[in-house]
Amino acid sequence: MLLELREAPESSFMPAPDEQRSFRFIGERLWLDFVNSELGDRGRDVLGDFDALLSWLEAATVLDAERCANIRRRAAQQPSGAAAAWQEARRVRAALRLLAEFGVTHDNARDQALFEINRVLGRSAGTRRVDLRPDGTFARSFVPVGDAFAGLVIPVVESAADALIAGELARVRRCGDARCRRVFFDTTKNGRRRWCDMATCGNRAKAARHREKMRAS
């Protein structure tokens, strides 16, 4: 079975204002949260433009505020480079979506994702470092040399690479709600987590079961 890599359409999307962006991190792994970024509130892609991509990476603690500001200034000077980096991020995300949903059962999904992972890793040079966060914790970061945009999704593809190496795909789940396409890494001991988030999909399922029980009584 040949799996088609599809990116979200861009022509009809108008990015929401900053205050309306909702970045949710429920995937338990950076690469899965990146996959889920196409499914924001009201079903809108929260990575609607390059600025939104930077905001998401900052919220995910991949970039700090200072580096985001520097990259935004560079983007204003080199809009074509920023646009290319945004398109690449969406292309990588589409491949990782296939890996999350079909990687256990389809070689083609793994092959496409592996190609994208190695393509991004292979064309980016820079320095990996550990930074101290404002809250006192530490985070690993990647600082590219030369092209300011080249390494933006390096931490994301490294997260996916770690999942492949550690054999984690068997624990990657799609939400049990048929209306939801979010994915997550199941960290439960028995491996039976069903919902991406109990506060949303889990509660909807609970309410539906209650209604069904009331109708049957």
N, C-alpha and C. Protein backbone atom coordinates (compact mmCIF):
# COMPACT_ATOMS: atom_id res chain seq x y z
N MET A 1 0.85 -1.19 0.00
CA MET A 1 0.00 0.00 0.00
C MET A 1 0.89 1.24 0.00
N LEU A 2 0.71 2.10 -0.98
CA LEU A 2 1.49 3.32 -1.09
C LEU A 2 0.79 4.43 -0.33
N LEU A 3 1.50 5.01 0.62
CA LEU A 3 0.93 6.08 1.42
C LEU A 3 1.32 7.41 0.83
N GLU A 4 0.33 8.28 0.66
CA GLU A 4 0.58 9.58 0.04
C GLU A 4 0.85 10.63 1.10
N LEU A 5 1.94 11.34 0.93
CA LEU A 5 2.29 12.42 1.85
C LEU A 5 1.55 13.66 1.41
N ARG A 6 0.67 14.15 2.28
CA ARG A 6 -0.13 15.32 1.96
C ARG A 6 0.10 16.42 2.98
N GLU A 7 0.23 17.63 2.49
CA GLU A 7 0.36 18.77 3.37
C GLU A 7 -0.96 19.51 3.45
N ALA A 8 -1.14 20.21 4.57
CA ALA A 8 -2.37 20.99 4.73
C ALA A 8 -2.42 22.09 3.68
N PRO A 9 -3.60 22.37 3.11
CA PRO A 9 -3.70 23.44 2.12
C PRO A 9 -3.35 24.78 2.75
N GLU A 10 -2.77 25.66 1.93
CA GLU A 10 -2.32 26.93 2.49
C GLU A 10 -3.07 28.13 1.92
N SER A 11 -3.65 28.02 0.75
CA SER A 11 -4.18 29.20 0.08
C SER A 11 -5.35 29.82 0.81
N SER A 12 -6.18 28.99 1.50
CA SER A 12 -7.37 29.52 2.13
C SER A 12 -7.17 29.83 3.61
N PHE A 13 -5.97 29.60 4.12
CA PHE A 13 -5.76 29.78 5.55
C PHE A 13 -5.38 31.20 5.89
N MET A 14 -6.06 31.76 6.87
CA MET A 14 -5.68 33.06 7.41
C MET A 14 -5.25 32.84 8.85
N PRO A 15 -3.99 33.09 9.19
CA PRO A 15 -3.52 32.81 10.54
C PRO A 15 -4.28 33.60 11.59
N ALA A 16 -4.55 32.92 12.70
CA ALA A 16 -5.25 33.58 13.80
C ALA A 16 -4.30 34.52 14.53
N PRO A 17 -4.84 35.54 15.20
CA PRO A 17 -4.00 36.44 15.99
C PRO A 17 -3.27 35.66 17.07
N ASP A 18 -2.16 36.23 17.55
CA ASP A 18 -1.35 35.54 18.55
C ASP A 18 -2.18 35.12 19.75
N GLU A 19 -3.07 36.01 20.22
CA GLU A 19 -3.80 35.69 21.42
C GLU A 19 -4.80 34.55 21.22
N GLN A 20 -5.10 34.21 19.97
CA GLN A 20 -6.05 33.14 19.70
C GLN A 20 -5.35 31.81 19.41
N ARG A 21 -4.03 31.83 19.28
CA ARG A 21 -3.33 30.58 19.01
C ARG A 21 -3.37 29.69 20.24
N SER A 22 -3.60 28.44 20.04
CA SER A 22 -3.65 27.50 21.14
C SER A 22 -2.68 26.37 20.85
N PHE A 23 -1.58 26.35 21.58
CA PHE A 23 -0.58 25.29 21.41
C PHE A 23 -0.78 24.28 22.53
N ARG A 24 -1.12 23.05 22.15
CA ARG A 24 -1.37 22.01 23.14
C ARG A 24 -0.29 20.95 23.02
N PHE A 25 0.28 20.59 24.18
CA PHE A 25 1.37 19.62 24.20
C PHE A 25 0.92 18.42 25.03
N ILE A 26 0.32 17.46 24.33
CA ILE A 26 -0.26 16.29 24.99
C ILE A 26 0.27 14.99 24.40
N GLY A 27 1.23 15.09 23.47
CA GLY A 27 1.70 13.90 22.77
C GLY A 27 2.76 13.10 23.51
N GLU A 28 3.32 13.66 24.57
CA GLU A 28 4.37 13.03 25.37
C GLU A 28 5.73 12.96 24.67
N ARG A 29 5.78 13.33 23.41
CA ARG A 29 7.03 13.39 22.65
C ARG A 29 6.97 14.62 21.75
N LEU A 30 8.11 15.29 21.59
CA LEU A 30 8.13 16.51 20.80
C LEU A 30 7.62 16.29 19.38
N TRP A 31 8.06 15.21 18.74
CA TRP A 31 7.68 15.00 17.34
C TRP A 31 6.18 14.75 17.20
N LEU A 32 5.56 14.13 18.21
CA LEU A 32 4.12 13.90 18.15
C LEU A 32 3.35 15.19 18.41
N ASP A 33 3.85 16.03 19.30
CA ASP A 33 3.22 17.34 19.47
C ASP A 33 3.32 18.16 18.19
N PHE A 34 4.44 18.00 17.47
CA PHE A 34 4.58 18.72 16.20
C PHE A 34 3.56 18.21 15.19
N VAL A 35 3.36 16.92 15.12
CA VAL A 35 2.32 16.36 14.26
C VAL A 35 0.96 16.94 14.63
N ASN A 36 0.68 17.03 15.92
CA ASN A 36 -0.62 17.53 16.38
C ASN A 36 -0.81 19.02 16.15
N SER A 37 0.25 19.72 15.79
CA SER A 37 0.13 21.17 15.59
C SER A 37 -0.77 21.52 14.42
N GLU A 38 -1.08 20.57 13.56
CA GLU A 38 -1.99 20.86 12.45
C GLU A 38 -3.44 20.82 12.88
N LEU A 39 -3.68 20.50 14.15
CA LEU A 39 -5.05 20.31 14.62
C LEU A 39 -5.31 21.20 15.83
N GLY A 40 -5.28 22.49 15.62
CA GLY A 40 -5.53 23.43 16.70
C GLY A 40 -7.00 23.56 17.01
N ASP A 41 -7.33 24.50 17.89
CA ASP A 41 -8.73 24.74 18.23
C ASP A 41 -9.52 25.10 16.97
N ARG A 42 -10.75 24.61 16.93
CA ARG A 42 -11.64 24.82 15.79
C ARG A 42 -11.09 24.19 14.51
N GLY A 43 -10.20 23.21 14.68
CA GLY A 43 -9.70 22.44 13.54
C GLY A 43 -8.74 23.18 12.64
N ARG A 44 -8.16 24.30 13.11
CA ARG A 44 -7.29 25.09 12.25
C ARG A 44 -5.83 24.73 12.50
N ASP A 45 -5.06 24.78 11.44
CA ASP A 45 -3.63 24.54 11.53
C ASP A 45 -2.99 25.71 12.26
N VAL A 46 -2.37 25.44 13.42
CA VAL A 46 -1.78 26.54 14.17
C VAL A 46 -0.45 27.00 13.60
N LEU A 47 0.10 26.23 12.66
CA LEU A 47 1.34 26.66 11.99
C LEU A 47 0.98 27.30 10.66
N GLY A 48 0.13 28.32 10.71
CA GLY A 48 -0.39 28.92 9.50
C GLY A 48 0.58 29.81 8.76
N ASP A 49 1.68 30.19 9.40
CA ASP A 49 2.68 31.01 8.74
C ASP A 49 4.01 30.83 9.47
N PHE A 50 5.05 31.47 8.96
CA PHE A 50 6.37 31.29 9.55
C PHE A 50 6.42 31.81 10.99
N ASP A 51 5.76 32.92 11.24
CA ASP A 51 5.74 33.47 12.59
C ASP A 51 5.09 32.51 13.57
N ALA A 52 4.02 31.84 13.13
CA ALA A 52 3.36 30.86 13.99
C ALA A 52 4.28 29.68 14.27
N LEU A 53 5.06 29.27 13.27
CA LEU A 53 6.03 28.19 13.47
C LEU A 53 7.02 28.57 14.57
N LEU A 54 7.53 29.79 14.51
CA LEU A 54 8.47 30.24 15.54
C LEU A 54 7.81 30.27 16.91
N SER A 55 6.57 30.74 16.96
CA SER A 55 5.85 30.79 18.24
C SER A 55 5.67 29.40 18.82
N TRP A 56 5.36 28.44 17.95
CA TRP A 56 5.19 27.06 18.42
C TRP A 56 6.52 26.51 18.94
N LEU A 57 7.59 26.73 18.22
CA LEU A 57 8.90 26.23 18.65
C LEU A 57 9.32 26.87 19.97
N GLU A 58 8.95 28.14 20.16
CA GLU A 58 9.27 28.79 21.45
C GLU A 58 8.42 28.19 22.57
N ALA A 59 7.13 27.96 22.29
CA ALA A 59 6.26 27.37 23.30
C ALA A 59 6.70 25.96 23.67
N ALA A 60 7.28 25.26 22.70
CA ALA A 60 7.76 23.90 22.94
C ALA A 60 9.16 23.89 23.57
N THR A 61 9.69 25.08 23.88
CA THR A 61 11.02 25.29 24.46
C THR A 61 12.14 24.80 23.55
N VAL A 62 11.87 24.73 22.27
CA VAL A 62 12.91 24.42 21.29
C VAL A 62 13.77 25.67 21.05
N LEU A 63 13.12 26.83 21.03
CA LEU A 63 13.81 28.11 20.87
C LEU A 63 13.53 28.98 22.08
N ASP A 64 14.50 29.82 22.43
CA ASP A 64 14.23 30.80 23.48
C ASP A 64 13.78 32.11 22.85
N ALA A 65 13.31 33.02 23.68
CA ALA A 65 12.73 34.27 23.18
C ALA A 65 13.76 35.10 22.41
N GLU A 66 15.00 35.11 22.87
CA GLU A 66 16.03 35.90 22.19
C GLU A 66 16.30 35.39 20.79
N ARG A 67 16.41 34.07 20.66
CA ARG A 67 16.68 33.53 19.33
C ARG A 67 15.48 33.71 18.42
N CYS A 68 14.27 33.58 18.96
CA CYS A 68 13.07 33.83 18.15
C CYS A 68 13.07 35.25 17.61
N ALA A 69 13.43 36.20 18.45
CA ALA A 69 13.45 37.59 18.01
C ALA A 69 14.48 37.79 16.91
N ASN A 70 15.63 37.16 17.06
CA ASN A 70 16.68 37.28 16.03
C ASN A 70 16.22 36.67 14.71
N ILE A 71 15.56 35.53 14.78
CA ILE A 71 15.11 34.87 13.56
C ILE A 71 13.99 35.67 12.90
N ARG A 72 13.13 36.27 13.69
CA ARG A 72 12.08 37.12 13.11
C ARG A 72 12.68 38.31 12.36
N ARG A 73 13.72 38.88 12.92
CA ARG A 73 14.38 39.99 12.23
C ARG A 73 14.99 39.51 10.91
N ARG A 74 15.60 38.32 10.96
CA ARG A 74 16.18 37.76 9.73
C ARG A 74 15.09 37.45 8.71
N ALA A 75 13.95 36.97 9.19
CA ALA A 75 12.84 36.64 8.29
C ALA A 75 12.33 37.88 7.57
N ALA A 76 12.31 39.02 8.28
CA ALA A 76 11.88 40.27 7.64
C ALA A 76 12.84 40.68 6.54
N GLN A 77 14.11 40.33 6.70
CA GLN A 77 15.12 40.65 5.70
C GLN A 77 15.15 39.63 4.56
N GLN A 78 14.81 38.38 4.88
CA GLN A 78 14.87 37.29 3.91
C GLN A 78 13.54 36.53 3.89
N PRO A 79 12.48 37.14 3.41
CA PRO A 79 11.17 36.48 3.43
C PRO A 79 11.13 35.18 2.64
N SER A 80 11.88 35.11 1.55
CA SER A 80 11.86 33.87 0.76
C SER A 80 12.48 32.72 1.54
N GLY A 81 13.55 32.99 2.30
CA GLY A 81 14.16 31.96 3.13
C GLY A 81 13.23 31.50 4.23
N ALA A 82 12.52 32.45 4.84
CA ALA A 82 11.56 32.09 5.88
C ALA A 82 10.42 31.26 5.31
N ALA A 83 9.94 31.63 4.12
CA ALA A 83 8.86 30.87 3.50
C ALA A 83 9.30 29.45 3.17
N ALA A 84 10.54 29.30 2.71
CA ALA A 84 11.05 27.96 2.40
C ALA A 84 11.16 27.12 3.66
N ALA A 85 11.60 27.74 4.77
CA ALA A 85 11.71 27.00 6.03
C ALA A 85 10.34 26.57 6.53
N TRP A 86 9.34 27.44 6.35
CA TRP A 86 7.98 27.09 6.76
C TRP A 86 7.43 25.93 5.93
N GLN A 87 7.66 25.98 4.62
CA GLN A 87 7.21 24.88 3.76
C GLN A 87 7.92 23.58 4.13
N GLU A 88 9.20 23.67 4.44
CA GLU A 88 9.92 22.46 4.84
C GLU A 88 9.36 21.88 6.12
N ALA A 89 9.03 22.73 7.07
CA ALA A 89 8.46 22.26 8.33
C ALA A 89 7.15 21.52 8.08
N ARG A 90 6.33 22.04 7.19
CA ARG A 90 5.06 21.38 6.87
C ARG A 90 5.29 20.05 6.16
N ARG A 91 6.30 20.02 5.31
CA ARG A 91 6.62 18.77 4.61
C ARG A 91 7.10 17.72 5.61
N VAL A 92 7.96 18.11 6.53
CA VAL A 92 8.43 17.19 7.55
C VAL A 92 7.27 16.71 8.41
N ARG A 93 6.40 17.63 8.77
CA ARG A 93 5.25 17.26 9.61
C ARG A 93 4.35 16.24 8.91
N ALA A 94 4.14 16.41 7.63
CA ALA A 94 3.31 15.45 6.88
C ALA A 94 3.92 14.06 6.90
N ALA A 95 5.23 13.98 6.75
CA ALA A 95 5.90 12.68 6.79
C ALA A 95 5.82 12.07 8.18
N LEU A 96 5.96 12.89 9.21
CA LEU A 96 5.88 12.38 10.58
C LEU A 96 4.47 11.95 10.93
N ARG A 97 3.46 12.60 10.32
CA ARG A 97 2.07 12.15 10.51
C ARG A 97 1.90 10.72 10.02
N LEU A 98 2.44 10.43 8.84
CA LEU A 98 2.36 9.06 8.32
C LEU A 98 3.09 8.09 9.23
N LEU A 99 4.25 8.51 9.75
CA LEU A 99 5.01 7.64 10.65
C LEU A 99 4.21 7.35 11.91
N ALA A 100 3.57 8.37 12.48
CA ALA A 100 2.80 8.19 13.71
C ALA A 100 1.61 7.27 13.50
N GLU A 101 0.93 7.42 12.37
CA GLU A 101 -0.31 6.67 12.16
C GLU A 101 -0.08 5.29 11.56
N PHE A 102 0.95 5.15 10.72
CA PHE A 102 1.11 3.90 9.98
C PHE A 102 2.49 3.27 10.10
N GLY A 103 3.38 3.89 10.87
CA GLY A 103 4.77 3.43 10.90
C GLY A 103 4.98 2.01 11.40
N VAL A 104 4.07 1.53 12.25
CA VAL A 104 4.22 0.17 12.78
C VAL A 104 3.93 -0.87 11.71
N THR A 105 3.00 -0.57 10.81
CA THR A 105 2.52 -1.59 9.88
C THR A 105 2.96 -1.39 8.44
N HIS A 106 3.43 -0.18 8.08
CA HIS A 106 3.74 0.09 6.67
C HIS A 106 5.18 0.56 6.51
N ASP A 107 5.94 -0.22 5.76
CA ASP A 107 7.33 0.15 5.50
C ASP A 107 7.42 1.49 4.78
N ASN A 108 6.46 1.77 3.90
CA ASN A 108 6.49 2.99 3.11
C ASN A 108 6.45 4.23 4.01
N ALA A 109 5.62 4.18 5.07
CA ALA A 109 5.53 5.31 5.99
C ALA A 109 6.86 5.51 6.70
N ARG A 110 7.49 4.42 7.12
CA ARG A 110 8.78 4.53 7.79
C ARG A 110 9.84 5.05 6.83
N ASP A 111 9.81 4.56 5.59
CA ASP A 111 10.82 4.98 4.61
C ASP A 111 10.71 6.47 4.30
N GLN A 112 9.47 6.96 4.13
CA GLN A 112 9.28 8.39 3.83
C GLN A 112 9.76 9.25 4.99
N ALA A 113 9.40 8.84 6.21
CA ALA A 113 9.82 9.60 7.38
C ALA A 113 11.33 9.57 7.54
N LEU A 114 11.92 8.41 7.33
CA LEU A 114 13.37 8.29 7.46
C LEU A 114 14.08 9.16 6.43
N PHE A 115 13.53 9.23 5.23
CA PHE A 115 14.11 10.09 4.20
C PHE A 115 14.09 11.55 4.64
N GLU A 116 12.95 12.00 5.17
CA GLU A 116 12.84 13.38 5.62
C GLU A 116 13.76 13.66 6.81
N ILE A 117 13.80 12.73 7.74
CA ILE A 117 14.67 12.90 8.91
C ILE A 117 16.12 13.06 8.48
N ASN A 118 16.58 12.16 7.62
CA ASN A 118 17.98 12.22 7.19
C ASN A 118 18.25 13.41 6.28
N ARG A 119 17.24 13.82 5.51
CA ARG A 119 17.42 14.99 4.65
C ARG A 119 17.65 16.24 5.49
N VAL A 120 16.84 16.41 6.51
CA VAL A 120 16.98 17.58 7.38
C VAL A 120 18.28 17.52 8.16
N LEU A 121 18.58 16.37 8.73
CA LEU A 121 19.81 16.25 9.51
C LEU A 121 21.04 16.45 8.63
N GLY A 122 20.96 15.99 7.38
CA GLY A 122 22.12 16.03 6.50
C GLY A 122 22.46 17.40 5.96
N ARG A 123 21.49 18.28 5.89
CA ARG A 123 21.75 19.59 5.27
C ARG A 123 21.92 20.71 6.29
N SER A 124 21.96 20.36 7.55
CA SER A 124 22.07 21.38 8.59
C SER A 124 23.34 21.17 9.41
N ALA A 125 24.06 22.24 9.59
CA ALA A 125 25.26 22.21 10.41
C ALA A 125 25.12 23.22 11.54
N GLY A 126 25.64 22.88 12.68
CA GLY A 126 25.53 23.80 13.80
C GLY A 126 26.09 23.21 15.07
N THR A 127 25.66 23.77 16.18
CA THR A 127 26.17 23.36 17.48
C THR A 127 25.01 22.95 18.38
N ARG A 128 25.14 21.81 19.02
CA ARG A 128 24.16 21.38 20.01
C ARG A 128 24.65 21.81 21.39
N ARG A 129 23.72 22.31 22.18
CA ARG A 129 24.09 22.82 23.49
C ARG A 129 22.98 22.58 24.49
N VAL A 130 23.29 22.73 25.76
CA VAL A 130 22.30 22.62 26.83
C VAL A 130 22.14 23.99 27.45
N ASP A 131 20.89 24.47 27.52
CA ASP A 131 20.61 25.80 28.05
C ASP A 131 19.81 25.71 29.34
N LEU A 132 20.04 26.66 30.20
CA LEU A 132 19.28 26.78 31.45
C LEU A 132 18.02 27.58 31.19
N ARG A 133 16.86 27.01 31.53
CA ARG A 133 15.59 27.70 31.35
C ARG A 133 15.33 28.64 32.51
N PRO A 134 14.42 29.61 32.32
CA PRO A 134 14.08 30.54 33.40
C PRO A 134 13.55 29.85 34.65
N ASP A 135 12.91 28.67 34.48
CA ASP A 135 12.34 27.97 35.65
C ASP A 135 13.36 27.09 36.36
N GLY A 136 14.62 27.13 35.91
CA GLY A 136 15.67 26.37 36.58
C GLY A 136 15.93 25.00 35.98
N THR A 137 15.10 24.57 35.02
CA THR A 137 15.33 23.30 34.35
C THR A 137 16.25 23.51 33.15
N PHE A 138 16.62 22.42 32.50
CA PHE A 138 17.54 22.48 31.38
C PHE A 138 16.89 21.94 30.12
N ALA A 139 17.33 22.44 28.99
CA ALA A 139 16.82 21.98 27.70
C ALA A 139 17.96 21.91 26.69
N ARG A 140 17.91 20.90 25.83
CA ARG A 140 18.89 20.77 24.76
C ARG A 140 18.44 21.59 23.57
N SER A 141 19.35 22.31 22.95
CA SER A 141 18.99 23.13 21.80
C SER A 141 20.02 22.95 20.69
N PHE A 142 19.63 23.40 19.50
CA PHE A 142 20.51 23.32 18.33
C PHE A 142 20.65 24.72 17.75
N VAL A 143 21.87 25.18 17.61
CA VAL A 143 22.13 26.51 17.07
C VAL A 143 22.80 26.35 15.71
N PRO A 144 22.12 26.65 14.60
CA PRO A 144 22.70 26.43 13.28
C PRO A 144 23.81 27.43 12.97
N VAL A 145 24.71 27.02 12.13
CA VAL A 145 25.78 27.89 11.65
C VAL A 145 25.42 28.35 10.25
N GLY A 146 25.51 29.65 10.00
CA GLY A 146 25.21 30.16 8.67
C GLY A 146 23.73 30.45 8.51
N ASP A 147 23.01 29.58 7.82
CA ASP A 147 21.60 29.77 7.53
C ASP A 147 20.78 29.75 8.82
N ALA A 148 20.17 30.87 9.15
CA ALA A 148 19.41 30.97 10.40
C ALA A 148 18.19 30.06 10.41
N PHE A 149 17.69 29.70 9.23
CA PHE A 149 16.46 28.91 9.15
C PHE A 149 16.71 27.40 9.05
N ALA A 150 17.95 27.02 8.75
CA ALA A 150 18.22 25.63 8.38
C ALA A 150 17.93 24.63 9.49
N GLY A 151 18.17 25.01 10.73
CA GLY A 151 18.07 24.03 11.80
C GLY A 151 16.81 24.11 12.64
N LEU A 152 15.80 24.82 12.18
CA LEU A 152 14.63 25.06 13.02
C LEU A 152 13.94 23.77 13.46
N VAL A 153 13.82 22.81 12.57
CA VAL A 153 13.10 21.58 12.93
C VAL A 153 14.05 20.44 13.29
N ILE A 154 15.34 20.75 13.47
CA ILE A 154 16.29 19.72 13.88
C ILE A 154 15.85 19.01 15.16
N PRO A 155 15.48 19.73 16.23
CA PRO A 155 15.06 19.01 17.44
C PRO A 155 13.84 18.12 17.23
N VAL A 156 12.96 18.53 16.33
CA VAL A 156 11.76 17.73 16.05
C VAL A 156 12.15 16.42 15.38
N VAL A 157 12.99 16.48 14.35
CA VAL A 157 13.35 15.24 13.65
C VAL A 157 14.26 14.39 14.53
N GLU A 158 15.04 15.01 15.41
CA GLU A 158 15.84 14.21 16.34
C GLU A 158 14.94 13.46 17.31
N SER A 159 13.84 14.09 17.72
CA SER A 159 12.87 13.41 18.58
C SER A 159 12.28 12.19 17.86
N ALA A 160 11.94 12.36 16.58
CA ALA A 160 11.42 11.23 15.80
C ALA A 160 12.49 10.16 15.63
N ALA A 161 13.72 10.58 15.39
CA ALA A 161 14.81 9.61 15.25
C ALA A 161 14.99 8.82 16.54
N ASP A 162 14.92 9.50 17.67
CA ASP A 162 15.02 8.81 18.97
C ASP A 162 13.93 7.77 19.12
N ALA A 163 12.72 8.10 18.65
CA ALA A 163 11.60 7.16 18.75
C ALA A 163 11.86 5.92 17.91
N LEU A 164 12.41 6.11 16.72
CA LEU A 164 12.72 4.97 15.87
C LEU A 164 13.80 4.09 16.50
N ILE A 165 14.84 4.73 16.99
CA ILE A 165 15.96 3.98 17.58
C ILE A 165 15.52 3.23 18.83
N ALA A 166 14.67 3.86 19.63
CA ALA A 166 14.22 3.24 20.87
C ALA A 166 13.08 2.24 20.67
N GLY A 167 12.59 2.11 19.44
CA GLY A 167 11.51 1.17 19.16
C GLY A 167 10.18 1.59 19.78
N GLU A 168 9.89 2.89 19.77
CA GLU A 168 8.70 3.40 20.44
C GLU A 168 7.43 3.40 19.59
N LEU A 169 7.54 3.09 18.31
CA LEU A 169 6.36 3.23 17.44
C LEU A 169 5.19 2.37 17.89
N ALA A 170 5.47 1.23 18.50
CA ALA A 170 4.39 0.34 18.94
C ALA A 170 3.55 0.98 20.04
N ARG A 171 4.07 2.01 20.67
CA ARG A 171 3.34 2.70 21.74
C ARG A 171 2.74 4.02 21.28
N VAL A 172 2.86 4.32 20.00
CA VAL A 172 2.25 5.54 19.47
C VAL A 172 0.80 5.23 19.13
N ARG A 173 -0.10 6.05 19.61
CA ARG A 173 -1.53 5.83 19.42
C ARG A 173 -2.18 7.03 18.74
N ARG A 174 -3.25 6.74 18.05
CA ARG A 174 -4.15 7.80 17.59
C ARG A 174 -5.32 7.84 18.55
N CYS A 175 -5.83 9.03 18.84
CA CYS A 175 -6.92 9.19 19.78
C CYS A 175 -8.09 8.27 19.44
N GLY A 176 -8.70 7.71 20.48
CA GLY A 176 -9.81 6.78 20.28
C GLY A 176 -11.08 7.44 19.80
N ASP A 177 -11.15 8.76 19.83
CA ASP A 177 -12.30 9.48 19.28
C ASP A 177 -12.13 9.55 17.76
N ALA A 178 -13.07 8.97 17.04
CA ALA A 178 -12.96 8.92 15.58
C ALA A 178 -12.91 10.30 14.94
N ARG A 179 -13.40 11.32 15.65
CA ARG A 179 -13.38 12.69 15.11
C ARG A 179 -12.06 13.40 15.36
N CYS A 180 -11.19 12.79 16.11
CA CYS A 180 -9.93 13.43 16.50
C CYS A 180 -8.75 12.71 15.85
N ARG A 181 -7.80 13.48 15.30
CA ARG A 181 -6.63 12.90 14.64
C ARG A 181 -5.36 13.10 15.44
N ARG A 182 -5.49 13.54 16.70
CA ARG A 182 -4.28 13.73 17.49
C ARG A 182 -3.64 12.38 17.84
N VAL A 183 -2.34 12.42 17.96
CA VAL A 183 -1.57 11.21 18.28
C VAL A 183 -0.80 11.45 19.57
N PHE A 184 -0.39 10.36 20.21
CA PHE A 184 0.32 10.49 21.48
C PHE A 184 1.14 9.23 21.72
N PHE A 185 2.11 9.35 22.62
CA PHE A 185 2.90 8.20 23.05
C PHE A 185 2.29 7.69 24.35
N ASP A 186 1.91 6.43 24.37
CA ASP A 186 1.24 5.84 25.51
C ASP A 186 2.26 5.45 26.58
N THR A 187 2.27 6.20 27.66
CA THR A 187 3.22 5.94 28.74
C THR A 187 2.62 5.10 29.86
N THR A 188 1.35 4.69 29.71
CA THR A 188 0.73 3.91 30.77
C THR A 188 1.37 2.54 30.88
N LYS A 189 1.35 1.99 32.08
CA LYS A 189 2.01 0.70 32.32
C LYS A 189 1.36 -0.42 31.51
N ASN A 190 0.04 -0.40 31.39
CA ASN A 190 -0.65 -1.47 30.67
C ASN A 190 -0.83 -1.17 29.19
N GLY A 191 -0.41 0.01 28.73
CA GLY A 191 -0.50 0.34 27.32
C GLY A 191 -1.91 0.45 26.79
N ARG A 192 -2.84 0.94 27.63
CA ARG A 192 -4.24 0.98 27.22
C ARG A 192 -4.83 2.39 27.23
N ARG A 193 -3.98 3.39 27.15
CA ARG A 193 -4.50 4.75 27.05
C ARG A 193 -5.25 4.91 25.72
N ARG A 194 -6.43 5.52 25.77
CA ARG A 194 -7.26 5.63 24.58
C ARG A 194 -7.38 7.05 24.05
N TRP A 195 -7.34 8.04 24.94
CA TRP A 195 -7.68 9.39 24.54
C TRP A 195 -6.45 10.27 24.53
N CYS A 196 -6.43 11.22 23.59
CA CYS A 196 -5.31 12.16 23.55
C CYS A 196 -5.32 13.03 24.79
N ASP A 197 -6.52 13.35 25.29
CA ASP A 197 -6.65 14.24 26.44
C ASP A 197 -7.98 13.94 27.13
N MET A 198 -7.93 13.60 28.40
CA MET A 198 -9.16 13.30 29.13
C MET A 198 -10.06 14.52 29.26
N ALA A 199 -9.47 15.71 29.25
CA ALA A 199 -10.26 16.93 29.43
C ALA A 199 -11.14 17.24 28.22
N THR A 200 -10.80 16.68 27.07
CA THR A 200 -11.59 16.94 25.86
C THR A 200 -12.20 15.64 25.34
N CYS A 201 -11.44 14.88 24.62
CA CYS A 201 -11.97 13.66 24.01
C CYS A 201 -12.42 12.64 25.04
N GLY A 202 -11.68 12.51 26.14
CA GLY A 202 -12.07 11.57 27.18
C GLY A 202 -13.40 11.94 27.80
N ASN A 203 -13.59 13.22 28.08
CA ASN A 203 -14.85 13.66 28.67
C ASN A 203 -16.02 13.52 27.70
N ARG A 204 -15.75 13.76 26.40
CA ARG A 204 -16.81 13.57 25.40
C ARG A 204 -17.26 12.12 25.37
N ALA A 205 -16.30 11.21 25.42
CA ALA A 205 -16.64 9.78 25.41
C ALA A 205 -17.41 9.41 26.67
N LYS A 206 -17.00 9.96 27.80
CA LYS A 206 -17.69 9.68 29.07
C LYS A 206 -19.12 10.19 29.02
N ALA A 207 -19.30 11.40 28.48
CA ALA A 207 -20.64 11.97 28.36
C ALA A 207 -21.51 11.14 27.42
N ALA A 208 -20.92 10.67 26.32
CA ALA A 208 -21.67 9.86 25.36
C ALA A 208 -22.11 8.55 26.00
N ARG A 209 -21.24 7.93 26.79
CA ARG A 209 -21.62 6.69 27.48
C ARG A 209 -22.74 6.94 28.47
N HIS A 210 -22.67 8.08 29.15
CA HIS A 210 -23.73 8.42 30.11
C HIS A 210 -25.06 8.60 29.41
N ARG A 211 -25.06 9.31 28.27
CA ARG A 211 -26.31 9.50 27.52
C ARG A 211 -26.89 8.18 27.05
N GLU A 212 -26.00 7.31 26.58
CA GLU A 212 -26.45 6.00 26.11
C GLU A 212 -27.06 5.19 27.26
N LYS A 213 -26.45 5.28 28.42
CA LYS A 213 -26.96 4.56 29.59
C LYS A 213 -28.32 5.11 30.01
N MET A 214 -28.48 6.43 29.93
CA MET A 214 -29.76 7.03 30.31
C MET A 214 -30.86 6.64 29.33
N ARG A 215 -30.51 6.57 28.04
CA ARG A 215 -31.53 6.15 27.06
C ARG A 215 -31.93 4.70 27.26
N ALA A 216 -31.00 3.87 27.68
CA ALA A 216 -31.27 2.44 27.84
C ALA A 216 -32.04 2.16 29.13
N SER A 217 -32.00 3.10 30.08
CA SER A 217 -32.65 2.84 31.37
C SER A 217 -34.15 3.16 31.34
